[in-house]
PDB file of N, CA and C in Angstrom:
ATOM      1  N   MET A   1     153.562 134.649 106.376  1.00  0.00           N
ATOM      2  CA  MET A   1     152.637 134.163 105.384  1.00  0.00           C
ATOM      3  C   MET A   1     151.292 133.849 106.013  1.00  0.00           C
ATOM      4  N   LYS A   2     151.350 133.426 107.265  1.00  0.00           N
ATOM      5  CA  LYS A   2     150.082 133.042 107.831  1.00  0.00           C
ATOM      6  C   LYS A   2     149.296 134.249 108.313  1.00  0.00           C
ATOM      7  N   TYR A   3     149.889 135.473 108.366  1.00  0.00           N
ATOM      8  CA  TYR A   3     149.175 136.669 108.824  1.00  0.00           C
ATOM      9  C   TYR A   3     148.626 137.509 107.677  1.00  0.00           C
ATOM     10  N   PHE A   4     148.847 137.113 106.424  1.00  0.00           N
ATOM     11  CA  PHE A   4     148.346 137.887 105.293  1.00  0.00           C
ATOM     12  C   PHE A   4     146.831 138.046 105.267  1.00  0.00           C
ATOM     13  N   PRO A   5     146.030 137.001 105.491  1.00  0.00           N
ATOM     14  CA  PRO A   5     144.567 137.214 105.441  1.00  0.00           C
ATOM     15  C   PRO A   5     144.095 138.171 106.512  1.00  0.00           C
ATOM     16  N   ILE A   6     144.652 138.116 107.713  1.00  0.00           N
ATOM     17  CA  ILE A   6     144.216 139.009 108.788  1.00  0.00           C
ATOM     18  C   ILE A   6     144.648 140.438 108.472  1.00  0.00           C
ATOM     19  N   LEU A   7     145.843 140.622 107.941  1.00  0.00           N
ATOM     20  CA  LEU A   7     146.340 141.933 107.582  1.00  0.00           C
ATOM     21  C   LEU A   7     145.483 142.565 106.494  1.00  0.00           C
ATOM     22  N   GLY A   8     145.023 141.729 105.539  1.00  0.00           N
ATOM     23  CA  GLY A   8     144.168 142.237 104.467  1.00  0.00           C
ATOM     24  C   GLY A   8     142.832 142.730 104.997  1.00  0.00           C
ATOM     25  N   ILE A   9     142.297 142.092 106.021  1.00  0.00           N
ATOM     26  CA  ILE A   9     141.027 142.515 106.594  1.00  0.00           C
ATOM     27  C   ILE A   9     141.205 143.829 107.345  1.00  0.00           C
ATOM     28  N   LEU A  10     142.291 143.970 108.045  1.00  0.00           N
ATOM     29  CA  LEU A  10     142.513 145.180 108.827  1.00  0.00           C
ATOM     30  C   LEU A  10     142.801 146.388 107.949  1.00  0.00           C
ATOM     31  N   LEU A  11     143.404 146.199 106.798  1.00  0.00           N
ATOM     32  CA  LEU A  11     143.754 147.309 105.920  1.00  0.00           C
ATOM     33  C   LEU A  11     142.696 147.608 104.849  1.00  0.00           C
ATOM     34  N   ALA A  12     141.598 146.895 104.846  1.00  0.00           N
ATOM     35  CA  ALA A  12     140.567 147.094 103.821  1.00  0.00           C
ATOM     36  C   ALA A  12     139.883 148.433 104.018  1.00  0.00           C
ATOM     37  N   ALA A  13     139.481 149.053 102.926  1.00  0.00           N
ATOM     38  CA  ALA A  13     138.809 150.348 102.973  1.00  0.00           C
ATOM     39  C   ALA A  13     137.379 150.175 103.468  1.00  0.00           C
ATOM     40  N   PRO A  14     136.815 151.150 104.180  1.00  0.00           N
ATOM     41  CA  PRO A  14     135.433 151.043 104.639  1.00  0.00           C
ATOM     42  C   PRO A  14     134.462 151.044 103.458  1.00  0.00           C
ATOM     43  N   VAL A  15     133.373 150.348 103.651  1.00  0.00           N
ATOM     44  CA  VAL A  15     132.353 150.234 102.602  1.00  0.00           C
ATOM     45  C   VAL A  15     131.098 150.923 103.104  1.00  0.00           C
ATOM     46  N   ASN A  16     130.530 151.782 102.311  1.00  0.00           N
ATOM     47  CA  ASN A  16     129.288 152.466 102.655  1.00  0.00           C
ATOM     48  C   ASN A  16     128.165 151.928 101.780  1.00  0.00           C
ATOM     49  N   ALA A  17     127.005 151.704 102.372  1.00  0.00           N
ATOM     50  CA  ALA A  17     125.853 151.211 101.616  1.00  0.00           C
ATOM     51  C   ALA A  17     125.007 152.384 101.182  1.00  0.00           C
ATOM     52  N   ALA A  18     124.537 152.316  99.960  1.00  0.00           N
ATOM     53  CA  ALA A  18     123.647 153.362  99.454  1.00  0.00           C
ATOM     54  C   ALA A  18     122.211 152.840  99.532  1.00  0.00           C
ATOM     55  N   SER A  19     121.278 153.715  99.871  1.00  0.00           N
ATOM     56  CA  SER A  19     119.885 153.283  99.931  1.00  0.00           C
ATOM     57  C   SER A  19     119.344 153.110  98.521  1.00  0.00           C
ATOM     58  N   VAL A  20     118.476 152.135  98.375  1.00  0.00           N
ATOM     59  CA  VAL A  20     117.895 151.846  97.071  1.00  0.00           C
ATOM     60  C   VAL A  20     116.500 152.442  97.048  1.00  0.00           C
ATOM     61  N   VAL A  21     116.268 153.288  96.103  1.00  0.00           N
ATOM     62  CA  VAL A  21     114.961 153.918  95.952  1.00  0.00           C
ATOM     63  C   VAL A  21     114.412 153.493  94.595  1.00  0.00           C
ATOM     64  N   PRO A  22     113.218 152.893  94.590  1.00  0.00           N
ATOM     65  CA  PRO A  22     112.673 152.505  93.287  1.00  0.00           C
ATOM     66  C   PRO A  22     112.402 153.745  92.442  1.00  0.00           C
ATOM     67  N   ASN A  23     112.648 153.642  91.174  1.00  0.00           N
ATOM     68  CA  ASN A  23     112.452 154.787  90.298  1.00  0.00           C
ATOM     69  C   ASN A  23     111.294 154.546  89.335  1.00  0.00           C
ATOM     70  N   PHE A  24     110.190 154.025  89.854  1.00  0.00           N
ATOM     71  CA  PHE A  24     108.980 153.894  89.056  1.00  0.00           C
ATOM     72  C   PHE A  24     107.867 154.605  89.802  1.00  0.00           C
ATOM     73  N   THR A  25     106.844 155.000  89.100  1.00  0.00           N
ATOM     74  CA  THR A  25     105.721 155.678  89.747  1.00  0.00           C
ATOM     75  C   THR A  25     104.453 154.836  89.720  1.00  0.00           C
ATOM     76  N   SER A  26     104.339 153.970  88.767  1.00  0.00           N
ATOM     77  CA  SER A  26     103.173 153.080  88.715  1.00  0.00           C
ATOM     78  C   SER A  26     103.531 151.867  87.870  1.00  0.00           C
ATOM     79  N   GLY A  27     102.691 150.854  87.952  1.00  0.00           N
ATOM     80  CA  GLY A  27     102.943 149.653  87.167  1.00  0.00           C
ATOM     81  C   GLY A  27     101.738 148.729  87.199  1.00  0.00           C
ATOM     82  N   THR A  28     101.751 147.745  86.360  1.00  0.00           N
ATOM     83  CA  THR A  28     100.684 146.739  86.318  1.00  0.00           C
ATOM     84  C   THR A  28     101.307 145.363  86.191  1.00  0.00           C
ATOM     85  N   VAL A  29     100.594 144.400  86.749  1.00  0.00           N
ATOM     86  CA  VAL A  29     100.986 143.006  86.606  1.00  0.00           C
ATOM     87  C   VAL A  29      99.763 142.263  86.068  1.00  0.00           C
ATOM     88  N   THR A  30      99.949 141.546  85.005  1.00  0.00           N
ATOM     89  CA  THR A  30      98.862 140.780  84.405  1.00  0.00           C
ATOM     90  C   THR A  30      99.181 139.302  84.533  1.00  0.00           C
ATOM     91  N   ALA A  31      98.191 138.534  85.031  1.00  0.00           N
ATOM     92  CA  ALA A  31      98.372 137.082  85.163  1.00  0.00           C
ATOM     93  C   ALA A  31      97.216 136.385  84.450  1.00  0.00           C
ATOM     94  N   GLU A  32      97.545 135.386  83.693  1.00  0.00           N
ATOM     95  CA  GLU A  32      96.523 134.601  82.991  1.00  0.00           C
ATOM     96  C   GLU A  32      96.600 133.153  83.443  1.00  0.00           C
ATOM     97  N   THR A  33      95.428 132.581  83.741  1.00  0.00           N
ATOM     98  CA  THR A  33      95.352 131.188  84.194  1.00  0.00           C
ATOM     99  C   THR A  33      94.379 130.439  83.303  1.00  0.00           C
ATOM    100  N   THR A  34      94.804 129.293  82.818  1.00  0.00           N
ATOM    101  CA  THR A  34      93.950 128.434  82.003  1.00  0.00           C
ATOM    102  C   THR A  34      93.782 127.109  82.741  1.00  0.00           C
ATOM    103  N   THR A  35      92.529 126.697  82.907  1.00  0.00           N
ATOM    104  CA  THR A  35      92.237 125.449  83.615  1.00  0.00           C
ATOM    105  C   THR A  35      91.306 124.599  82.763  1.00  0.00           C
ATOM    106  N   ARG A  36      91.579 123.316  82.691  1.00  0.00           N
ATOM    107  CA  ARG A  36      90.695 122.381  81.994  1.00  0.00           C
ATOM    108  C   ARG A  36      90.318 121.293  82.989  1.00  0.00           C
ATOM    109  N   THR A  37      88.998 121.110  83.163  1.00  0.00           N
ATOM    110  CA  THR A  37      88.479 120.075  84.046  1.00  0.00           C
ATOM    111  C   THR A  37      87.709 119.078  83.196  1.00  0.00           C
ATOM    112  N   GLU A  38      88.031 117.809  83.357  1.00  0.00           N
ATOM    113  CA  GLU A  38      87.357 116.776  82.589  1.00  0.00           C
ATOM    114  C   GLU A  38      86.757 115.758  83.566  1.00  0.00           C
ATOM    115  N   VAL A  39      85.438 115.582  83.463  1.00  0.00           N
ATOM    116  CA  VAL A  39      84.719 114.648  84.333  1.00  0.00           C
ATOM    117  C   VAL A  39      84.181 113.512  83.465  1.00  0.00           C
ATOM    118  N   VAL A  40      84.557 112.290  83.804  1.00  0.00           N
ATOM    119  CA  VAL A  40      84.074 111.113  83.078  1.00  0.00           C
ATOM    120  C   VAL A  40      83.094 110.385  83.998  1.00  0.00           C
ATOM    121  N   GLU A  41      81.870 110.203  83.512  1.00  0.00           N
ATOM    122  CA  GLU A  41      80.836 109.537  84.300  1.00  0.00           C
ATOM    123  C   GLU A  41      80.378 108.267  83.599  1.00  0.00           C
ATOM    124  N   VAL A  42      80.126 107.257  84.367  1.00  0.00           N
ATOM    125  CA  VAL A  42      79.510 106.035  83.862  1.00  0.00           C
ATOM    126  C   VAL A  42      78.302 105.761  84.758  1.00  0.00           C
ATOM    127  N   ILE A  43      77.126 105.805  84.153  1.00  0.00           N
ATOM    128  CA  ILE A  43      75.881 105.564  84.880  1.00  0.00           C
ATOM    129  C   ILE A  43      75.342 104.220  84.395  1.00  0.00           C
ATOM    130  N   ARG A  44      75.119 103.333  85.321  1.00  0.00           N
ATOM    131  CA  ARG A  44      74.636 102.000  84.959  1.00  0.00           C
ATOM    132  C   ARG A  44      73.386 101.711  85.769  1.00  0.00           C
ATOM    133  N   GLN A  45      72.304 101.410  85.072  1.00  0.00           N
ATOM    134  CA  GLN A  45      71.035 101.090  85.729  1.00  0.00           C
ATOM    135  C   GLN A  45      70.635  99.673  85.339  1.00  0.00           C
ATOM    136  N   VAL A  46      70.408  98.853  86.349  1.00  0.00           N
ATOM    137  CA  VAL A  46      70.019  97.467  86.129  1.00  0.00           C
ATOM    138  C   VAL A  46      68.676  97.257  86.817  1.00  0.00           C
ATOM    139  N   GLU A  47      67.703  96.750  86.074  1.00  0.00           N
ATOM    140  CA  GLU A  47      66.376  96.492  86.634  1.00  0.00           C
ATOM    141  C   GLU A  47      66.095  95.003  86.612  1.00  0.00           C
ATOM    142  N   TYR A  48      65.537  94.525  87.722  1.00  0.00           N
ATOM    143  CA  TYR A  48      65.197  93.121  87.859  1.00  0.00           C
ATOM    144  C   TYR A  48      63.697  92.992  88.069  1.00  0.00           C
ATOM    145  N   SER A  49      63.144  91.906  87.586  1.00  0.00           N
ATOM    146  CA  SER A  49      61.742  91.581  87.809  1.00  0.00           C
ATOM    147  C   SER A  49      61.686  90.431  88.813  1.00  0.00           C
ATOM    148  N   THR A  50      60.726  90.521  89.742  1.00  0.00           N
ATOM    149  CA  THR A  50      60.634  89.474  90.763  1.00  0.00           C
ATOM    150  C   THR A  50      59.425  88.570  90.564  1.00  0.00           C
ATOM    151  N   SER A  51      58.665  88.807  89.494  1.00  0.00           N
ATOM    152  CA  SER A  51      57.496  87.959  89.248  1.00  0.00           C
ATOM    153  C   SER A  51      57.377  87.671  87.755  1.00  0.00           C
ATOM    154  N   THR A  52      56.409  86.822  87.418  1.00  0.00           N
ATOM    155  CA  THR A  52      56.165  86.466  86.027  1.00  0.00           C
ATOM    156  C   THR A  52      55.095  87.387  85.461  1.00  0.00           C
ATOM    157  N   SER A  53      55.311  87.819  84.230  1.00  0.00           N
ATOM    158  CA  SER A  53      54.352  88.691  83.549  1.00  0.00           C
ATOM    159  C   SER A  53      54.050  88.085  82.183  1.00  0.00           C
ATOM    160  N   TYR A  54      52.739  88.036  81.856  1.00  0.00           N
ATOM    161  CA  TYR A  54      52.333  87.487  80.563  1.00  0.00           C
ATOM    162  C   TYR A  54      51.371  88.478  79.918  1.00  0.00           C
ATOM    163  N   THR A  55      51.629  88.828  78.642  1.00  0.00           N
ATOM    164  CA  THR A  55      50.780  89.754  77.902  1.00  0.00           C
ATOM    165  C   THR A  55      50.497  89.180  76.529  1.00  0.00           C
ATOM    166  N   VAL A  56      49.241  89.355  76.096  1.00  0.00           N
ATOM    167  CA  VAL A  56      48.862  88.940  74.747  1.00  0.00           C
ATOM    168  C   VAL A  56      47.952  90.023  74.178  1.00  0.00           C
ATOM    169  N   SER A  57      48.151  90.336  72.896  1.00  0.00           N
ATOM    170  CA  SER A  57      47.298  91.320  72.227  1.00  0.00           C
ATOM    171  C   SER A  57      47.259  90.981  70.748  1.00  0.00           C
ATOM    172  N   GLY A  58      46.294  91.574  70.041  1.00  0.00           N
ATOM    173  CA  GLY A  58      46.213  91.336  68.612  1.00  0.00           C
ATOM    174  C   GLY A  58      44.918  91.831  68.005  1.00  0.00           C
ATOM    175  N   ASN A  59      44.857  91.763  66.693  1.00  0.00           N
ATOM    176  CA  ASN A  59      43.662  92.107  65.918  1.00  0.00           C
ATOM    177  C   ASN A  59      43.252  90.873  65.122  1.00  0.00           C
ATOM    178  N   ASN A  60      41.947  90.652  65.038  1.00  0.00           N
ATOM    179  CA  ASN A  60      41.378  89.517  64.311  1.00  0.00           C
ATOM    180  C   ASN A  60      41.855  88.192  64.921  1.00  0.00           C
ATOM    181  N   ILE A  61      41.979  88.167  66.266  1.00  0.00           N
ATOM    182  CA  ILE A  61      42.420  86.979  66.993  1.00  0.00           C
ATOM    183  C   ILE A  61      41.378  86.668  68.053  1.00  0.00           C
ATOM    184  N   ASN A  62      41.056  85.386  68.210  1.00  0.00           N
ATOM    185  CA  ASN A  62      40.184  84.940  69.298  1.00  0.00           C
ATOM    186  C   ASN A  62      41.047  84.714  70.531  1.00  0.00           C
ATOM    187  N   ILE A  63      40.802  85.513  71.570  1.00  0.00           N
ATOM    188  CA  ILE A  63      41.543  85.375  72.824  1.00  0.00           C
ATOM    189  C   ILE A  63      40.566  84.808  73.853  1.00  0.00           C
ATOM    190  N   PRO A  64      40.874  83.634  74.392  1.00  0.00           N
ATOM    191  CA  PRO A  64      39.965  83.029  75.364  1.00  0.00           C
ATOM    192  C   PRO A  64      39.943  83.826  76.679  1.00  0.00           C
ATOM    193  N   GLY A  65      39.006  83.536  77.548  1.00  0.00           N
ATOM    194  CA  GLY A  65      38.846  84.254  78.811  1.00  0.00           C
ATOM    195  C   GLY A  65      40.048  84.186  79.722  1.00  0.00           C
ATOM    196  N   THR A  66      40.816  83.121  79.698  1.00  0.00           N
ATOM    197  CA  THR A  66      42.010  82.991  80.548  1.00  0.00           C
ATOM    198  C   THR A  66      43.227  82.703  79.682  1.00  0.00           C
ATOM    199  N   PRO A  67      43.790  83.752  79.071  1.00  0.00           N
ATOM    200  CA  PRO A  67      44.978  83.532  78.238  1.00  0.00           C
ATOM    201  C   PRO A  67      46.186  83.203  79.106  1.00  0.00           C
ATOM    202  N   GLY A  68      47.115  82.481  78.546  1.00  0.00           N
ATOM    203  CA  GLY A  68      48.340  82.130  79.258  1.00  0.00           C
ATOM    204  C   GLY A  68      49.290  81.431  78.317  1.00  0.00           C
ATOM    205  N   PRO A  69      50.490  81.160  78.780  1.00  0.00           N
ATOM    206  CA  PRO A  69      51.454  80.452  77.938  1.00  0.00           C
ATOM    207  C   PRO A  69      50.897  79.083  77.542  1.00  0.00           C
ATOM    208  N   GLY A  70      51.012  78.746  76.266  1.00  0.00           N
ATOM    209  CA  GLY A  70      50.557  77.454  75.771  1.00  0.00           C
ATOM    210  C   GLY A  70      49.100  77.445  75.333  1.00  0.00           C
ATOM    211  N   THR A  71      48.374  78.561  75.463  1.00  0.00           N
ATOM    212  CA  THR A  71      46.979  78.644  75.027  1.00  0.00           C
ATOM    213  C   THR A  71      46.933  78.658  73.502  1.00  0.00           C
ATOM    214  N   ASN A  72      45.943  77.997  72.931  1.00  0.00           N
ATOM    215  CA  ASN A  72      45.760  77.998  71.478  1.00  0.00           C
ATOM    216  C   ASN A  72      44.908  79.192  71.085  1.00  0.00           C
ATOM    217  N   TYR A  73      45.470  80.061  70.268  1.00  0.00           N
ATOM    218  CA  TYR A  73      44.756  81.234  69.768  1.00  0.00           C
ATOM    219  C   TYR A  73      44.407  80.966  68.316  1.00  0.00           C
ATOM    220  N   THR A  74      43.238  81.435  67.904  1.00  0.00           N
ATOM    221  CA  THR A  74      42.805  81.214  66.520  1.00  0.00           C
ATOM    222  C   THR A  74      42.467  82.544  65.876  1.00  0.00           C
ATOM    223  N   ILE A  75      42.473  82.534  64.531  1.00  0.00           N
ATOM    224  CA  ILE A  75      42.105  83.735  63.779  1.00  0.00           C
ATOM    225  C   ILE A  75      40.587  83.807  63.732  1.00  0.00           C
ATOM    226  N   HIS A  76      40.039  85.000  63.961  1.00  0.00           N
ATOM    227  CA  HIS A  76      38.582  85.195  63.992  1.00  0.00           C
ATOM    228  C   HIS A  76      37.998  85.090  62.582  1.00  0.00           C
ATOM    229  N   THR A  77      38.468  85.890  61.624  1.00  0.00           N
ATOM    230  CA  THR A  77      37.977  85.855  60.253  1.00  0.00           C
ATOM    231  C   THR A  77      39.112  85.364  59.361  1.00  0.00           C
ATOM    232  N   GLN A  78      38.940  84.142  58.848  1.00  0.00           N
ATOM    233  CA  GLN A  78      39.963  83.546  57.989  1.00  0.00           C
ATOM    234  C   GLN A  78      40.145  84.388  56.722  1.00  0.00           C
ATOM    235  N   GLY A  79      41.415  84.604  56.314  1.00  0.00           N
ATOM    236  CA  GLY A  79      41.720  85.350  55.092  1.00  0.00           C
ATOM    237  C   GLY A  79      41.856  86.849  55.330  1.00  0.00           C
ATOM    238  N   ALA A  80      41.385  87.343  56.443  1.00  0.00           N
ATOM    239  CA  ALA A  80      41.511  88.778  56.738  1.00  0.00           C
ATOM    240  C   ALA A  80      42.864  89.034  57.419  1.00  0.00           C
ATOM    241  N   PRO A  81      43.367  90.260  57.338  1.00  0.00           N
ATOM    242  CA  PRO A  81      44.642  90.550  57.996  1.00  0.00           C
ATOM    243  C   PRO A  81      44.514  90.390  59.511  1.00  0.00           C
ATOM    244  N   PHE A  82      45.613  90.016  60.148  1.00  0.00           N
ATOM    245  CA  PHE A  82      45.604  89.869  61.600  1.00  0.00           C
ATOM    246  C   PHE A  82      46.971  90.273  62.165  1.00  0.00           C
ATOM    247  N   GLN A  83      46.962  90.528  63.459  1.00  0.00           N
ATOM    248  CA  GLN A  83      48.187  90.867  64.171  1.00  0.00           C
ATOM    249  C   GLN A  83      48.128  90.157  65.511  1.00  0.00           C
ATOM    250  N   PHE A  84      49.272  89.583  65.947  1.00  0.00           N
ATOM    251  CA  PHE A  84      49.301  88.839  67.193  1.00  0.00           C
ATOM    252  C   PHE A  84      50.629  89.103  67.901  1.00  0.00           C
ATOM    253  N   SER A  85      50.558  89.373  69.211  1.00  0.00           N
ATOM    254  CA  SER A  85      51.752  89.607  70.008  1.00  0.00           C
ATOM    255  C   SER A  85      51.589  88.899  71.347  1.00  0.00           C
ATOM    256  N   GLU A  86      52.632  88.159  71.747  1.00  0.00           N
ATOM    257  CA  GLU A  86      52.615  87.422  73.004  1.00  0.00           C
ATOM    258  C   GLU A  86      53.961  87.655  73.705  1.00  0.00           C
ATOM    259  N   THR A  87      53.924  88.078  74.978  1.00  0.00           N
ATOM    260  CA  THR A  87      55.143  88.364  75.733  1.00  0.00           C
ATOM    261  C   THR A  87      55.094  87.640  77.069  1.00  0.00           C
ATOM    262  N   LEU A  88      56.157  86.914  77.379  1.00  0.00           N
ATOM    263  CA  LEU A  88      56.286  86.228  78.656  1.00  0.00           C
ATOM    264  C   LEU A  88      57.600  86.672  79.294  1.00  0.00           C
ATOM    265  N   MET A  89      57.493  87.321  80.476  1.00  0.00           N
ATOM    266  CA  MET A  89      58.698  87.726  81.210  1.00  0.00           C
ATOM    267  C   MET A  89      58.726  86.963  82.527  1.00  0.00           C
ATOM    268  N   THR A  90      59.839  86.286  82.767  1.00  0.00           N
ATOM    269  CA  THR A  90      59.998  85.532  84.009  1.00  0.00           C
ATOM    270  C   THR A  90      60.904  86.315  84.962  1.00  0.00           C
ATOM    271  N   PRO A  91      60.975  85.963  86.237  1.00  0.00           N
ATOM    272  CA  PRO A  91      61.834  86.695  87.173  1.00  0.00           C
ATOM    273  C   PRO A  91      63.283  86.687  86.710  1.00  0.00           C
ATOM    274  N   GLY A  92      63.951  87.799  86.959  1.00  0.00           N
ATOM    275  CA  GLY A  92      65.359  87.935  86.582  1.00  0.00           C
ATOM    276  C   GLY A  92      65.621  89.317  86.025  1.00  0.00           C
ATOM    277  N   LEU A  93      66.679  89.444  85.254  1.00  0.00           N
ATOM    278  CA  LEU A  93      67.086  90.715  84.668  1.00  0.00           C
ATOM    279  C   LEU A  93      66.077  91.131  83.608  1.00  0.00           C
ATOM    280  N   SER A  94      65.493  92.336  83.770  1.00  0.00           N
ATOM    281  CA  SER A  94      64.520  92.786  82.777  1.00  0.00           C
ATOM    282  C   SER A  94      65.092  93.848  81.848  1.00  0.00           C
ATOM    283  N   SER A  95      65.984  94.695  82.348  1.00  0.00           N
ATOM    284  CA  SER A  95      66.627  95.674  81.461  1.00  0.00           C
ATOM    285  C   SER A  95      67.923  96.176  82.086  1.00  0.00           C
ATOM    286  N   GLU A  96      68.811  96.623  81.218  1.00  0.00           N
ATOM    287  CA  GLU A  96      70.087  97.178  81.656  1.00  0.00           C
ATOM    288  C   GLU A  96      70.416  98.361  80.767  1.00  0.00           C
ATOM    289  N   THR A  97      70.714  99.502  81.393  1.00  0.00           N
ATOM    290  CA  THR A  97      71.024 100.725  80.660  1.00  0.00           C
ATOM    291  C   THR A  97      72.377 101.239  81.137  1.00  0.00           C
ATOM    292  N   THR A  98      73.262 101.557  80.200  1.00  0.00           N
ATOM    293  CA  THR A  98      74.568 102.124  80.529  1.00  0.00           C
ATOM    294  C   THR A  98      74.731 103.426  79.766  1.00  0.00           C
ATOM    295  N   ILE A  99      75.055 104.488  80.499  1.00  0.00           N
ATOM    296  CA  ILE A  99      75.284 105.797  79.896  1.00  0.00           C
ATOM    297  C   ILE A  99      76.709 106.211  80.262  1.00  0.00           C
ATOM    298  N   GLU A 100      77.498 106.516  79.248  1.00  0.00           N
ATOM    299  CA  GLU A 100      78.849 107.014  79.467  1.00  0.00           C
ATOM    300  C   GLU A 100      78.924 108.413  78.877  1.00  0.00           C
ATOM    301  N   ARG A 101      79.396 109.370  79.703  1.00  0.00           N
ATOM    302  CA  ARG A 101      79.516 110.728  79.185  1.00  0.00           C
ATOM    303  C   ARG A 101      80.744 111.393  79.780  1.00  0.00           C
ATOM    304  N   THR A 102      81.315 112.283  78.986  1.00  0.00           N
ATOM    305  CA  THR A 102      82.474 113.053  79.396  1.00  0.00           C
ATOM    306  C   THR A 102      82.119 114.525  79.286  1.00  0.00           C
ATOM    307  N   THR A 103      82.345 115.260  80.374  1.00  0.00           N
ATOM    308  CA  THR A 103      82.085 116.690  80.386  1.00  0.00           C
ATOM    309  C   THR A 103      83.422 117.402  80.541  1.00  0.00           C
ATOM    310  N   THR A 104      83.705 118.320  79.622  1.00  0.00           N
ATOM    311  CA  THR A 104      84.951 119.080  79.667  1.00  0.00           C
ATOM    312  C   THR A 104      84.614 120.551  79.865  1.00  0.00           C
ATOM    313  N   VAL A 105      85.237 121.160  80.868  1.00  0.00           N
ATOM    314  CA  VAL A 105      85.027 122.581  81.153  1.00  0.00           C
ATOM    315  C   VAL A 105      86.373 123.278  81.048  1.00  0.00           C
ATOM    316  N   ASP A 106      86.459 124.276  80.142  1.00  0.00           N
ATOM    317  CA  ASP A 106      87.666 125.091  80.009  1.00  0.00           C
ATOM    318  C   ASP A 106      87.398 126.433  80.673  1.00  0.00           C
ATOM    319  N   SER A 107      88.336 126.874  81.517  1.00  0.00           N
ATOM    320  CA  SER A 107      88.188 128.133  82.241  1.00  0.00           C
ATOM    321  C   SER A 107      89.421 128.991  81.983  1.00  0.00           C
ATOM    322  N   PHE A 108      89.168 130.237  81.602  1.00  0.00           N
ATOM    323  CA  PHE A 108      90.247 131.182  81.361  1.00  0.00           C
ATOM    324  C   PHE A 108      90.048 132.364  82.298  1.00  0.00           C
ATOM    325  N   THR A 109      91.066 132.682  83.103  1.00  0.00           N
ATOM    326  CA  THR A 109      90.986 133.778  84.061  1.00  0.00           C
ATOM    327  C   THR A 109      92.143 134.747  83.787  1.00  0.00           C
ATOM    328  N   THR A 110      91.815 136.010  83.678  1.00  0.00           N
ATOM    329  CA  THR A 110      92.828 137.045  83.530  1.00  0.00           C
ATOM    330  C   THR A 110      92.683 138.013  84.696  1.00  0.00           C
ATOM    331  N   SER A 111      93.761 138.243  85.445  1.00  0.00           N
ATOM    332  CA  SER A 111      93.713 139.201  86.538  1.00  0.00           C
ATOM    333  C   SER A 111      94.772 140.263  86.303  1.00  0.00           C
ATOM    334  N   ILE A 112      94.404 141.507  86.624  1.00  0.00           N
ATOM    335  CA  ILE A 112      95.304 142.629  86.434  1.00  0.00           C
ATOM    336  C   ILE A 112      95.444 143.358  87.775  1.00  0.00           C
ATOM    337  N   SER A 113      96.683 143.573  88.208  1.00  0.00           N
ATOM    338  CA  SER A 113      96.955 144.317  89.430  1.00  0.00           C
ATOM    339  C   SER A 113      97.623 145.638  89.020  1.00  0.00           C
ATOM    340  N   VAL A 114      97.087 146.748  89.506  1.00  0.00           N
ATOM    341  CA  VAL A 114      97.646 148.070  89.216  1.00  0.00           C
ATOM    342  C   VAL A 114      98.163 148.632  90.536  1.00  0.00           C
ATOM    343  N   PHE A 115      99.386 149.139  90.530  1.00  0.00           N
ATOM    344  CA  PHE A 115      99.962 149.713  91.747  1.00  0.00           C
ATOM    345  C   PHE A 115     100.668 151.012  91.423  1.00  0.00           C
ATOM    346  N   THR A 116     100.706 151.886  92.428  1.00  0.00           N
ATOM    347  CA  THR A 116     101.393 153.176  92.293  1.00  0.00           C
ATOM    348  C   THR A 116     102.222 153.403  93.543  1.00  0.00           C
ATOM    349  N   GLN A 117     103.168 154.331  93.415  1.00  0.00           N
ATOM    350  CA  GLN A 117     104.045 154.629  94.536  1.00  0.00           C
ATOM    351  C   GLN A 117     103.667 155.969  95.111  1.00  0.00           C
TER     352      GLN A 117
END
């Protein structure tokens, strides 16, 4: 009983390998690739002022030679229309801008390989 596997190997018929020959003459391979790239950007600009700025302007207003905060301004012609603007900026944050944008790029690539024998 213990010699059966060895006996089976010794009595086995010989095996011959046949060569494999491809039976095509030409062919093509097509590959398609799709890619999506998404870029998210956040741009933040912060501006600071390091000094004091004072501006005054207007129409039909008496502006003295040395305008400044707390100066008394008067109307030139009473009863006529007038416009007055006064701006005082002290040191510190003067403006802040934030821009958020998303850019999406879709790419489609098709490649074709042609081969012959």
